[in-house]
Structures are given as structure tokens and as C-alpha cells.
Amino acid sequence: MDIPIPSKVHYHQKARELELEYPNGQRFLLSVEYLRVFSPSAEVRGHGPDTAVLQVGKKDVGLQNITQAGNYALKLHFDDGHDTGLYSWDYLYALAINHDTNWADYLRRLDEAGASREPQTIQFKQL
């Protein structure tokens, strides 16, 4: 199966959501927090399933910039300084269609770790 490439990518800054619209009419809204905690970077995913790092305190994260990487991916520049990892079209589509399962698993792992989505420190954002 060919992974669809979005025909439209739009960042809704106030809602902190990335909108992906596909030629077949599918449309997904993914929170920046969701994209951040499921970053494809080695910093988050590790170098294997046992080395993944649970991301905590990312509830208020936003995007500073979005750049395209060739014809195959997006690079998301988060306002918490994280900007490694490329979100390939197939990875973004997988995140979109598996959102509910992924998010429930993330919340379960947070609970098991006694961790929170809430930031641990005061967040300073440049105006």
C-alpha cells in the first residue's frame, strides 16, 4: 500500500495542532504534544525498544517552525528546543491513524511512572 502524502499541512498555533489533509479527503488534527512525545528521534525512541525515553511535562509545547526534508518528511522545530528526528510521510500517517491507541498507551506509561503531562518548571516563551 502506498502511504499517502498530505496535500495540505497547516499549523494551528492557538490550538497547538498540526492539521494533515490528504487527497482522498482524510483529515487529521494532531496535537503538538502528541507529535513531541512520539518524536522519531533517537533522543526519544532510543536505539531500541528498551532504550526509549518517556517524555514528560510536554502538555504546553508548541512549534516554532516546520521545514520540509526533501520530498519525504517534515522536520518539526519544537519550542522546548527539540528539533531532531524527521517525521516521514509514512510515520506521520501511522501516528494519525493510530492516534487513539498510541495516546492511551502513552497515558498508561505516564501513570505507571508516576509522571505527568504538566511541565515541571516555569515555561518562558519569547514574544
Protein backbone atom coordinates (compact mmCIF):
# COMPACT_ATOMS: atom_id res chain seq x y z
CA MET A 1 0.00 0.00 0.00
CA ASP A 2 1.30 3.43 -0.91
CA ILE A 3 1.42 5.81 2.01
CA PRO A 4 -0.47 8.98 1.09
CA ILE A 5 1.33 12.30 1.09
CA PRO A 6 -0.60 15.18 2.64
CA SER A 7 -1.95 17.71 0.18
CA LYS A 8 -2.15 20.28 3.00
CA VAL A 9 -0.18 20.76 6.20
CA HIS A 10 -1.29 23.59 8.47
CA TYR A 11 -0.22 24.53 11.99
CA HIS A 12 -2.99 25.92 14.16
CA GLN A 13 -0.88 27.95 16.57
CA LYS A 14 -3.52 28.79 19.20
CA ALA A 15 -4.81 25.20 19.40
CA ARG A 16 -1.24 23.83 19.06
CA GLU A 17 -2.39 21.29 16.48
CA LEU A 18 -0.94 20.18 13.18
CA GLU A 19 -3.58 19.57 10.52
CA LEU A 20 -2.87 16.99 7.84
CA GLU A 21 -5.22 16.79 4.89
CA TYR A 22 -4.90 14.08 2.25
CA PRO A 23 -6.03 13.95 -1.39
CA ASN A 24 -8.52 11.17 -0.54
CA GLY A 25 -10.34 13.52 1.86
CA GLN A 26 -8.89 12.18 5.09
CA ARG A 27 -8.12 14.91 7.60
CA PHE A 28 -6.31 14.60 10.92
CA LEU A 29 -5.57 17.04 13.73
CA LEU A 30 -2.56 16.01 15.80
CA SER A 31 -1.61 17.91 18.93
CA VAL A 32 1.94 19.20 19.10
CA GLU A 33 2.26 17.42 22.45
CA TYR A 34 1.39 14.11 20.76
CA LEU A 35 3.92 14.75 17.98
CA ARG A 36 6.59 15.72 20.53
CA VAL A 37 6.19 12.68 22.77
CA PHE A 38 6.20 10.38 19.73
CA SER A 39 9.18 12.07 18.09
CA PRO A 40 11.03 9.68 15.78
CA SER A 41 14.38 10.94 17.11
CA ALA A 42 16.88 8.64 18.79
CA GLU A 43 16.73 11.04 21.76
CA VAL A 44 13.11 9.95 22.34
CA ARG A 45 12.86 6.49 20.78
CA GLY A 46 16.34 5.38 21.79
CA HIS A 47 18.19 2.82 19.75
CA GLY A 48 15.77 0.02 20.54
CA PRO A 49 12.53 -0.62 22.45
CA ASP A 50 14.32 -0.89 25.79
CA THR A 51 16.06 2.46 25.45
CA ALA A 52 13.07 4.71 24.67
CA VAL A 53 12.78 7.74 26.96
CA LEU A 54 9.32 8.56 28.33
CA GLN A 55 8.62 12.21 27.57
CA VAL A 56 7.02 14.08 30.46
CA GLY A 57 5.83 17.65 31.00
CA LYS A 58 5.12 18.33 27.32
CA LYS A 59 1.48 19.44 27.62
CA ASP A 60 2.19 23.08 26.68
CA VAL A 61 4.79 22.52 23.96
CA GLY A 62 4.32 24.33 20.67
CA LEU A 63 6.06 24.61 17.32
CA GLN A 64 8.48 27.32 16.31
CA ASN A 65 8.90 26.17 12.74
CA ILE A 66 8.15 23.41 10.25
CA THR A 67 10.51 22.64 7.40
CA GLN A 68 10.25 20.09 4.64
CA ALA A 69 13.02 17.50 4.32
CA GLY A 70 13.21 16.60 0.67
CA ASN A 71 10.03 15.04 -0.69
CA TYR A 72 9.66 12.52 2.10
CA ALA A 73 9.40 14.17 5.52
CA LEU A 74 8.85 17.16 7.76
CA LYS A 75 11.21 18.46 10.39
CA LEU A 76 9.36 19.91 13.36
CA HIS A 77 11.11 22.53 15.48
CA PHE A 78 9.52 22.50 18.94
CA ASP A 79 9.62 25.47 21.28
CA ASP A 80 11.21 23.34 24.02
CA GLY A 81 14.34 23.17 21.87
CA HIS A 82 13.75 19.67 20.45
CA ASP A 83 14.30 19.58 16.69
CA THR A 84 15.87 16.21 15.92
CA GLY A 85 14.10 13.45 14.08
CA LEU A 86 12.38 13.53 10.72
CA TYR A 87 8.65 12.87 10.50
CA SER A 88 8.43 10.89 7.27
CA TRP A 89 5.10 10.83 5.44
CA ASP A 90 4.56 7.19 6.44
CA TYR A 91 5.40 7.92 10.11
CA LEU A 92 3.01 10.90 10.21
CA TYR A 93 0.26 8.81 8.63
CA ALA A 94 0.88 5.98 11.12
CA LEU A 95 0.71 8.47 14.00
CA ALA A 96 -2.56 9.82 12.63
CA ILE A 97 -4.36 6.52 12.10
CA ASN A 98 -3.06 5.03 15.37
CA HIS A 99 -3.62 8.13 17.49
CA ASP A 100 -6.13 6.72 19.98
CA THR A 101 -4.12 3.57 20.71
CA ASN A 102 -0.82 5.45 20.92
CA TRP A 103 -2.24 8.14 23.19
CA ALA A 104 -3.88 5.64 25.56
CA ASP A 105 -0.59 3.74 25.79
CA TYR A 106 1.32 6.96 26.49
CA LEU A 107 -1.09 7.97 29.26
CA ARG A 108 -0.80 4.48 30.78
CA ARG A 109 3.01 4.67 30.74
CA LEU A 110 2.91 8.13 32.34
CA ASP A 111 0.63 6.81 35.09
CA GLU A 112 2.84 3.77 35.71
CA ALA A 113 5.87 6.06 36.01
CA GLY A 114 4.05 8.44 38.36
CA ALA A 115 4.78 11.19 35.85
CA SER A 116 2.69 14.00 34.42
CA ARG A 117 1.96 15.81 31.18
CA GLU A 118 2.26 19.08 33.13
CA PRO A 119 5.55 21.00 32.82
CA GLN A 120 7.82 20.71 35.87
CA THR A 121 9.29 24.19 35.51
CA ILE A 122 8.13 27.63 34.58
CA GLN A 123 7.87 27.88 30.79
CA PHE A 124 9.37 31.01 29.24
CA LYS A 125 8.39 31.79 25.67
CA GLN A 126 9.83 34.55 23.59
CA LEU A 127 7.24 37.10 22.46
